[in-house]
Protein backbone atom coordinates (compact mmCIF):
# COMPACT_ATOMS: atom_id res chain seq x y z
CA MET A 1 -10.20 9.38 46.60
CA SER A 2 -6.78 8.05 45.20
CA ARG A 3 -6.06 4.49 44.50
CA THR A 4 -3.28 2.35 42.85
CA VAL A 5 -3.40 -0.88 40.86
CA GLU A 6 -0.60 -2.92 39.28
CA THR A 7 -0.56 -4.66 36.06
CA ASP A 8 1.86 -6.11 33.34
CA VAL A 9 0.76 -3.97 30.54
CA CYS A 10 -1.19 -0.75 30.67
CA ILE A 11 -2.88 0.08 27.16
CA ILE A 12 -4.14 3.67 26.57
CA GLY A 13 -6.95 3.66 24.14
CA GLY A 14 -9.80 1.15 23.59
CA GLY A 15 -9.92 1.46 19.90
CA PRO A 16 -9.21 -1.45 17.40
CA ALA A 17 -5.45 -1.39 17.95
CA GLY A 18 -5.71 -1.31 21.79
CA LEU A 19 -8.31 -4.01 22.02
CA ILE A 20 -6.60 -6.36 19.61
CA LEU A 21 -3.19 -5.95 21.69
CA GLY A 22 -4.95 -6.38 24.86
CA MET A 23 -7.01 -9.41 23.65
CA MET A 24 -3.84 -11.07 22.24
CA LEU A 25 -1.79 -10.54 25.49
CA ALA A 26 -4.60 -11.54 27.79
CA LYS A 27 -5.08 -14.79 25.74
CA ALA A 28 -1.47 -15.53 26.54
CA GLY A 29 -1.92 -15.02 30.21
CA VAL A 30 -0.39 -11.48 30.53
CA ARG A 31 -2.25 -9.16 32.93
CA VAL A 32 -3.65 -6.27 30.94
CA SER A 33 -5.45 -3.12 31.73
CA VAL A 34 -6.92 -1.03 28.88
CA LEU A 35 -7.91 2.62 29.69
CA GLU A 36 -10.40 4.30 27.50
CA SER A 37 -11.19 8.06 27.86
CA GLN A 38 -14.74 7.91 26.44
CA HIS A 39 -17.77 6.46 28.23
CA ASP A 40 -18.64 3.88 25.60
CA PHE A 41 -17.30 2.50 22.19
CA HIS A 42 -19.36 4.87 19.96
CA ARG A 43 -17.36 6.20 17.15
CA GLU A 44 -18.63 8.13 14.07
CA TYR A 45 -17.11 8.21 10.68
CA ARG A 46 -13.92 6.38 11.82
CA GLY A 47 -12.45 3.05 10.84
CA GLU A 48 -15.49 1.17 9.68
CA VAL A 49 -14.11 -0.58 6.60
CA LEU A 50 -12.05 -3.71 7.33
CA GLN A 51 -10.07 -4.44 4.30
CA PRO A 52 -8.90 -7.92 3.42
CA ARG A 53 -5.69 -7.56 5.21
CA PHE A 54 -7.69 -7.16 8.42
CA LEU A 55 -9.52 -10.47 7.79
CA GLN A 56 -6.25 -12.08 7.04
CA LEU A 57 -5.11 -11.30 10.58
CA MET A 58 -8.51 -12.41 12.05
CA GLU A 59 -7.86 -15.82 10.11
CA GLU A 60 -4.47 -16.16 11.85
CA LEU A 61 -6.06 -15.39 15.26
CA GLY A 62 -8.75 -17.83 14.70
CA LEU A 63 -11.52 -14.99 14.73
CA ARG A 64 -12.45 -14.54 11.04
CA SER A 65 -15.68 -16.39 11.14
CA TYR A 66 -16.55 -14.54 14.32
CA ILE A 67 -15.88 -11.05 12.94
CA GLU A 68 -17.81 -11.96 9.64
CA SER A 69 -20.74 -13.09 11.71
CA LEU A 70 -21.20 -9.50 12.95
CA PRO A 71 -23.78 -7.17 11.46
CA SER A 72 -22.02 -5.73 8.32
CA SER A 73 -22.19 -5.19 4.67
CA LYS A 74 -19.74 -6.15 1.94
CA VAL A 75 -17.83 -4.21 -0.42
CA ARG A 76 -16.81 -6.18 -3.32
CA SER A 77 -15.86 -3.68 -6.16
CA GLY A 78 -14.99 -0.16 -6.85
CA ALA A 79 -14.93 2.31 -9.84
CA PHE A 80 -13.55 5.66 -10.71
CA TYR A 81 -15.70 8.05 -12.51
CA TYR A 82 -15.40 11.56 -14.15
CA LYS A 83 -18.83 12.98 -13.86
CA GLU A 84 -20.87 10.02 -15.32
CA LYS A 85 -18.22 8.41 -17.37
CA ARG A 86 -16.64 5.29 -15.79
CA LEU A 87 -12.64 5.59 -16.09
CA ALA A 88 -11.42 2.44 -14.22
CA GLU A 89 -12.87 -0.34 -12.06
CA PHE A 90 -11.68 -2.90 -9.81
CA GLN A 91 -12.94 -6.17 -8.22
CA PHE A 92 -11.77 -7.41 -4.77
CA ASP A 93 -11.73 -10.96 -6.05
CA ARG A 94 -8.78 -9.98 -8.39
CA PHE A 95 -6.68 -9.23 -5.19
CA SER A 96 -7.77 -12.30 -3.14
CA GLU A 97 -9.87 -15.36 -4.01
CA GLU A 98 -9.91 -16.29 -0.35
CA ILE A 99 -11.11 -12.91 0.91
CA PRO A 100 -12.89 -11.25 -2.10
CA TYR A 101 -14.45 -8.38 -0.33
CA ALA A 102 -13.91 -5.59 2.40
CA LEU A 103 -16.36 -5.73 5.30
CA TRP A 104 -18.22 -2.48 6.50
CA VAL A 105 -18.70 -3.03 10.27
CA PRO A 106 -19.89 -0.13 12.50
CA GLN A 107 -17.07 0.54 14.85
CA PRO A 108 -19.19 0.27 17.96
CA ILE A 109 -20.17 -3.14 16.83
CA LEU A 110 -16.61 -4.30 16.07
CA LEU A 111 -15.18 -2.88 19.43
CA GLY A 112 -18.03 -4.34 21.47
CA ALA A 113 -17.37 -7.73 19.77
CA LEU A 114 -13.57 -7.63 20.44
CA TYR A 115 -14.37 -6.70 24.18
CA GLU A 116 -16.78 -9.65 24.31
CA LYS A 117 -13.92 -11.95 23.36
CA THR A 118 -11.72 -10.41 26.05
CA ARG A 119 -14.13 -10.21 28.99
CA GLU A 120 -14.00 -13.98 29.33
CA LEU A 121 -10.33 -13.85 30.00
CA PRO A 122 -9.37 -13.29 33.72
CA SER A 123 -6.27 -11.44 33.10
CA PHE A 124 -7.99 -8.64 31.03
CA ASP A 125 -9.58 -5.43 32.52
CA LEU A 126 -11.12 -2.40 30.71
CA LEU A 127 -11.95 0.96 32.40
CA PHE A 128 -13.99 3.50 30.64
CA GLN A 129 -13.84 7.29 31.36
CA ALA A 130 -10.20 7.01 32.13
CA SER A 131 -8.13 10.02 30.83
CA VAL A 132 -4.40 9.76 31.30
CA THR A 133 -3.01 13.03 33.03
CA GLY A 134 0.64 11.94 33.17
CA LEU A 135 3.35 9.37 32.86
CA LEU A 136 5.01 7.61 35.91
CA GLN A 137 8.81 7.55 35.50
CA GLU A 138 11.48 6.00 37.50
CA GLU A 139 14.71 7.55 36.17
CA GLU A 140 14.38 7.31 32.38
CA ARG A 141 11.84 4.40 32.37
CA VAL A 142 8.17 4.75 32.13
CA CYS A 143 6.49 2.73 34.70
CA GLY A 144 2.69 3.55 34.33
CA VAL A 145 0.39 6.43 34.20
CA ARG A 146 -1.83 8.77 36.29
CA VAL A 147 -5.47 8.74 35.39
CA ASP A 148 -8.42 10.99 36.00
CA THR A 149 -11.61 9.02 36.70
CA PRO A 150 -15.21 9.83 37.71
CA ASP A 151 -14.25 8.14 41.08
CA GLY A 152 -10.91 10.13 41.52
CA GLU A 153 -7.29 9.90 40.66
CA LEU A 154 -5.97 6.34 39.69
CA THR A 155 -2.39 5.34 39.52
CA VAL A 156 -1.75 2.39 37.14
CA ARG A 157 1.71 0.93 37.61
CA ALA A 158 2.77 -1.31 34.76
CA LYS A 159 5.82 -3.13 33.31
CA VAL A 160 5.05 -1.80 29.77
CA THR A 161 2.77 1.19 28.97
CA VAL A 162 1.31 1.38 25.47
CA GLY A 163 0.13 4.40 23.65
CA ALA A 164 -2.92 3.26 21.47
CA ASP A 165 -4.71 6.41 21.78
CA GLY A 166 -4.84 7.61 18.26
CA ARG A 167 -3.68 10.54 16.11
CA PHE A 168 -4.00 12.85 19.05
CA SER A 169 -2.22 10.74 21.43
CA ALA A 170 -1.75 11.82 25.07
CA VAL A 171 1.10 9.36 25.55
CA ARG A 172 2.94 10.65 22.68
CA ARG A 173 2.73 14.16 23.97
CA LEU A 174 3.44 13.34 27.43
CA GLY A 175 6.37 11.05 26.60
CA GLY A 176 7.95 13.60 24.33
CA PHE A 177 7.85 11.55 21.16
CA GLU A 178 9.12 13.46 18.02
CA MET A 179 7.66 13.25 14.61
CA GLU A 180 9.92 12.25 11.73
CA TYR A 181 7.40 13.58 9.14
CA GLU A 182 3.84 14.88 8.89
CA ASN A 183 1.84 15.75 5.69
CA HIS A 184 -1.58 17.15 5.66
CA SER A 185 -2.73 16.71 2.04
CA GLY A 186 -6.38 17.71 2.47
CA ASP A 187 -9.57 17.20 4.29
CA LEU A 188 -12.61 14.87 3.82
CA ILE A 189 -15.93 16.28 4.65
CA TRP A 190 -18.23 13.21 5.66
CA PHE A 191 -21.86 12.89 5.55
CA SER A 192 -24.38 10.06 5.06
CA VAL A 193 -27.39 9.74 2.69
CA PRO A 194 -29.86 7.03 2.14
CA GLN A 195 -28.65 4.29 -0.13
CA PRO A 196 -30.50 3.82 -3.50
CA ALA A 197 -31.93 0.36 -3.83
CA ASP A 198 -29.94 -0.45 -6.93
CA TRP A 199 -26.52 0.71 -5.52
CA GLY A 200 -25.00 -2.62 -5.14
CA GLU A 201 -21.87 -3.67 -3.21
CA GLY A 202 -19.47 -1.16 -4.81
CA LEU A 203 -17.66 2.07 -3.79
CA ARG A 204 -17.11 4.94 -6.16
CA ILE A 205 -14.49 7.60 -6.43
CA LYS A 206 -16.05 10.38 -8.46
CA LEU A 207 -14.21 13.32 -10.02
CA THR A 208 -16.23 16.40 -10.91
CA ASP A 209 -15.59 19.98 -11.88
CA GLY A 210 -16.08 20.73 -8.17
CA HIS A 211 -14.73 18.59 -5.43
CA PRO A 212 -13.94 14.87 -5.95
CA MET A 213 -15.90 12.45 -3.66
CA ILE A 214 -15.71 8.98 -2.20
CA ILE A 215 -18.96 7.22 -2.06
CA LEU A 216 -19.16 3.99 0.06
CA PRO A 217 -22.08 1.68 1.03
CA LYS A 218 -22.55 1.95 4.70
CA TYR A 219 -24.09 -0.61 6.94
CA PRO A 220 -27.06 -1.17 7.06
CA ASP A 221 -28.83 1.18 4.35
CA LEU A 222 -26.72 4.31 3.77
CA LEU A 223 -24.02 5.71 1.59
CA GLN A 224 -21.15 7.47 3.34
CA VAL A 225 -19.76 10.30 1.46
CA GLY A 226 -16.48 12.01 1.79
CA LEU A 227 -16.01 15.28 -0.06
CA ALA A 228 -12.48 16.01 -0.73
CA VAL A 229 -11.19 19.37 -0.16
CA PRO A 230 -7.62 21.16 0.04
CA PRO A 231 -6.44 22.06 3.55
CA GLY A 232 -8.35 24.97 4.90
CA GLU A 233 -10.99 25.12 2.21
CA TRP A 234 -13.80 23.92 4.39
CA ARG A 235 -13.68 27.19 6.18
CA ALA A 236 -13.99 29.10 2.86
CA ILE A 237 -17.01 26.87 1.91
CA LYS A 238 -18.86 27.53 5.01
CA SER A 239 -18.10 31.30 4.87
CA ARG A 240 -19.93 31.36 1.31
CA GLY A 241 -23.01 29.97 3.13
CA VAL A 242 -25.06 26.61 2.91
CA ASP A 243 -27.07 27.63 -0.14
CA ALA A 244 -23.97 27.61 -2.40
CA PHE A 245 -22.85 24.20 -1.04
CA ARG A 246 -26.42 22.87 -1.43
CA ARG A 247 -26.25 23.76 -5.13
CA GLU A 248 -22.94 21.78 -5.55
CA LEU A 249 -24.39 18.67 -3.80
CA LEU A 250 -27.53 18.77 -5.83
CA GLY A 251 -25.41 18.73 -9.10
CA ALA A 252 -22.88 15.99 -7.70
CA HIS A 253 -25.02 12.98 -7.64
CA PRO A 254 -28.97 12.20 -7.64
CA ALA A 255 -28.73 10.20 -4.39
CA PHE A 256 -27.86 13.54 -2.72
CA GLN A 257 -31.10 15.37 -3.78
CA SER A 258 -33.33 14.74 -0.76
CA PHE A 259 -30.43 15.40 1.70
CA ALA A 260 -29.33 18.53 0.01
CA GLU A 261 -32.98 19.91 -0.33
CA GLU A 262 -33.33 19.65 3.42
CA LEU A 263 -29.95 21.01 4.28
CA HIS A 264 -30.32 24.13 6.45
CA ASP A 265 -26.79 24.34 8.05
CA PHE A 266 -23.56 22.71 8.15
CA LYS A 267 -24.20 20.40 11.27
CA PRO A 268 -24.54 17.06 9.28
CA PHE A 269 -20.97 17.32 8.08
CA VAL A 270 -17.81 15.98 9.95
CA LEU A 271 -14.27 17.16 8.84
CA LEU A 272 -11.56 14.45 9.07
CA GLN A 273 -7.89 15.74 8.15
CA ALA A 274 -6.34 13.44 5.59
CA LYS A 275 -2.95 13.40 7.48
CA THR A 276 -0.10 10.86 7.31
CA PHE A 277 2.70 11.12 10.01
CA PHE A 278 5.33 8.81 11.29
CA VAL A 279 6.88 9.19 14.76
CA ARG A 280 10.74 9.06 14.72
CA GLU A 281 11.14 6.45 17.44
CA TRP A 282 8.06 4.51 18.74
CA ALA A 283 9.69 3.20 21.88
CA ARG A 284 11.26 4.51 25.15
CA ASP A 285 12.27 2.24 28.06
CA GLY A 286 8.95 0.78 29.41
CA CYS A 287 6.83 2.63 26.70
CA LEU A 288 5.53 2.02 23.20
CA LEU A 289 3.39 3.66 20.73
CA ILE A 290 1.31 1.68 18.18
CA GLY A 291 -1.41 2.34 15.70
CA ASP A 292 -2.34 6.09 14.79
CA ALA A 293 -0.28 7.28 17.68
CA ALA A 294 2.87 6.00 16.00
CA HIS A 295 2.06 5.94 12.22
CA CYS A 296 -1.19 7.70 11.17
CA ALA A 297 -2.45 6.82 7.72
CA SER A 298 -4.64 8.92 5.66
CA PRO A 299 -8.21 7.90 4.80
CA ILE A 300 -7.10 7.20 1.19
CA GLY A 301 -7.63 3.47 0.83
CA ALA A 302 -9.44 3.01 4.06
CA VAL A 303 -6.61 0.98 5.53
CA GLY A 304 -5.91 2.74 8.84
CA VAL A 305 -7.67 0.06 11.07
CA SER A 306 -6.07 -2.72 9.18
CA LEU A 307 -2.55 -1.33 9.49
CA SER A 308 -2.97 -0.56 13.19
CA ALA A 309 -4.33 -4.09 13.90
CA ALA A 310 -1.08 -5.61 12.26
CA THR A 311 1.08 -3.47 14.34
CA ALA A 312 -0.82 -4.53 17.46
CA ALA A 313 -0.33 -8.07 16.56
CA ALA A 314 3.46 -7.44 16.14
CA ALA A 315 3.44 -5.65 19.43
CA ALA A 316 1.79 -8.53 21.20
CA ASP A 317 4.51 -10.80 20.19
CA VAL A 318 7.42 -8.47 20.97
CA ILE A 319 5.83 -7.48 24.40
CA TYR A 320 5.23 -11.06 25.60
CA GLY A 321 8.96 -12.08 24.80
CA ALA A 322 9.98 -8.77 26.52
CA LEU A 323 8.03 -9.62 29.69
CA GLN A 324 9.36 -13.11 29.51
CA ASP A 325 13.01 -12.05 29.51
CA GLY A 326 12.65 -9.11 31.83
CA ASP A 327 13.80 -6.71 29.10
CA VAL A 328 11.33 -3.70 28.37
CA SER A 329 14.13 -1.44 27.11
CA ALA A 330 13.34 0.94 24.25
CA ALA A 331 15.73 -1.37 22.15
CA ARG A 332 13.61 -4.37 22.89
CA LEU A 333 10.17 -2.66 22.33
CA GLY A 334 11.57 -1.00 19.36
CA LEU A 335 11.51 -4.25 17.51
CA VAL A 336 7.87 -3.56 16.69
CA GLN A 337 8.91 -0.57 14.60
CA GLU A 338 11.69 -2.51 13.03
CA ARG A 339 9.00 -5.08 11.94
CA ARG A 340 6.46 -2.45 10.77
CA SER A 341 8.18 0.58 9.60
CA GLY A 342 8.95 -0.58 6.08
CA GLU A 343 5.35 -1.38 5.23
CA MET A 344 4.11 1.79 6.89
CA ARG A 345 6.49 3.98 4.82
CA SER A 346 5.54 2.22 1.70
CA VAL A 347 1.76 2.77 2.26
CA HIS A 348 2.26 6.30 3.16
CA ARG A 349 4.17 6.88 -0.15
CA ILE A 350 1.25 5.47 -2.15
CA GLN A 351 -1.30 7.43 -0.12
CA GLU A 352 0.66 10.70 -0.88
CA ARG A 353 0.50 9.94 -4.60
CA GLY A 354 -3.21 9.46 -4.45
CA ALA A 355 -3.63 12.46 -2.43
CA LYS A 356 -1.99 14.63 -5.12
CA VAL A 357 -4.84 13.78 -7.35
CA LEU A 358 -7.75 13.69 -4.96
CA PHE A 359 -6.93 16.91 -3.02
CA ALA A 360 -5.58 18.94 -6.13
CA SER A 361 -5.96 22.57 -5.40
CA THR A 362 -5.37 23.93 -8.97
CA SER A 363 -7.77 23.45 -12.00
CA PHE A 364 -4.80 22.23 -14.17
CA VAL A 365 -4.13 19.36 -11.88
CA ARG A 366 -7.76 18.55 -11.61
CA SER A 367 -8.02 18.46 -15.49
CA LEU A 368 -5.43 15.96 -15.63
CA ALA A 369 -6.69 13.65 -12.89
CA PRO A 370 -9.26 11.82 -15.25
CA VAL A 371 -6.59 11.25 -17.82
CA ILE A 372 -4.20 10.01 -15.10
CA ILE A 373 -6.83 7.51 -13.63
CA SER A 374 -7.93 6.25 -16.98
CA LEU A 375 -4.39 5.51 -18.07
CA GLY A 376 -3.48 3.85 -14.69
CA GLY A 377 -6.64 1.60 -15.13
CA ARG A 378 -5.70 0.45 -18.75
CA LEU A 379 -2.11 -0.19 -17.59
CA ASN A 380 -3.26 -2.00 -14.46
CA LEU A 381 -1.43 0.43 -12.17
CA VAL A 382 -4.47 1.19 -10.12
CA SER A 383 -5.00 -2.54 -9.21
CA ARG A 384 -1.28 -3.18 -8.49
CA LEU A 385 -1.16 -0.23 -6.08
CA GLN A 386 -4.41 -1.28 -4.32
CA ARG A 387 -3.20 -4.72 -4.01
CA ARG A 388 -0.07 -3.42 -2.03
CA ILE A 389 -2.26 -1.70 0.46
CA LEU A 390 -5.26 -3.85 0.66
CA LEU A 391 -3.67 -7.12 1.29
CA GLN A 392 -1.16 -8.24 3.88
CA PRO A 393 2.06 -9.04 1.69
CA GLU A 394 2.70 -12.05 3.88
CA PRO A 395 1.31 -13.86 6.93
CA LEU A 396 2.23 -12.11 10.26
CA GLY A 397 3.03 -15.48 11.82
CA VAL A 398 0.76 -15.20 14.82
CA HIS A 399 1.93 -17.56 17.61
CA PRO A 400 -0.57 -20.24 18.71
CA ARG A 401 -0.52 -18.87 22.16
CA PHE A 402 -2.42 -15.87 20.83
CA ARG A 403 -5.12 -17.77 18.97
CA PHE A 404 -8.57 -18.17 20.02
CA ASP A 405 -9.18 -21.54 18.41
CA ALA A 406 -5.99 -23.13 19.89
């Protein structure tokens, strides 16, 4: 059975960017419909680190204490190692005395908490198992979407349609948006192991004679490990068999021993491509891309969610004003890109520099990596670069209409 609904803003994607945008607009009284293709908020190995810049935004929205009350663990420090030798270290309180940590919040918990804040708002609606199959257009203006649901086809007519549906965005594909650049530096192979009792609240980036790895404490009692491999190498690793890979893990870190000894196949591993890309124009008449749909960040620095949230906040302000003025043109919606593109390009450049070290494909570059990091630590370059991506350079200036304590 086919049916039609009308709304002010239709947001495709119920991840952090989509929910934050929907939450802010609904708080300001805008009618919002969020469409999520999955049947719930479950996410695995995606966007669970909330950097200080995310908590800065939550502070502006009046939601910081609410987010920090969620089940979570704190990451207060980090260190770079070559084998067992510490090359450099950093403390989050050196970046920010007000927010001296990152939070590890499982994404299902975060999304559920954001949803709870919006469910009490009468102008907000969320529909699960809603897959976009097409864009509605009147002449050159996007005016909604066609959606496949378990109950049949749904047509959502909207004044503004927002693609917040991630790096594989259907809205971006259906709308014919073009990439300005795209870089695939390498892949992170994620897996989790039990956390040793004496691990503490720090992350570690470890260089070895094999593959570098990122190790983070994961709520509630695990370590999440990302093994860094050059593009395409994971296929070669699997072709050599699990026994060879088991030997590498056994020699990489004592915390991996039980996991590696019980490893019989490659099912426990999840591959995440370390890509950065930037869409040339984020807006069309009646349509806007935000978050990873517009400016995908690589996993380096674990800032993807935080950056997408900042873009969502900028989009809420622009869309609210556009609706008030009756102007949802590409030029007006494109103000989001004007506000956010400079920082996104800067973060991408920093991530690409880090990727050259982390995903080095030659033994010569790998041999230089410990020297580069050790020198960068002594000269304070590592901390300066981290400060640039982990902290919001200045307040976003959230209007009181979007605040939850106003």
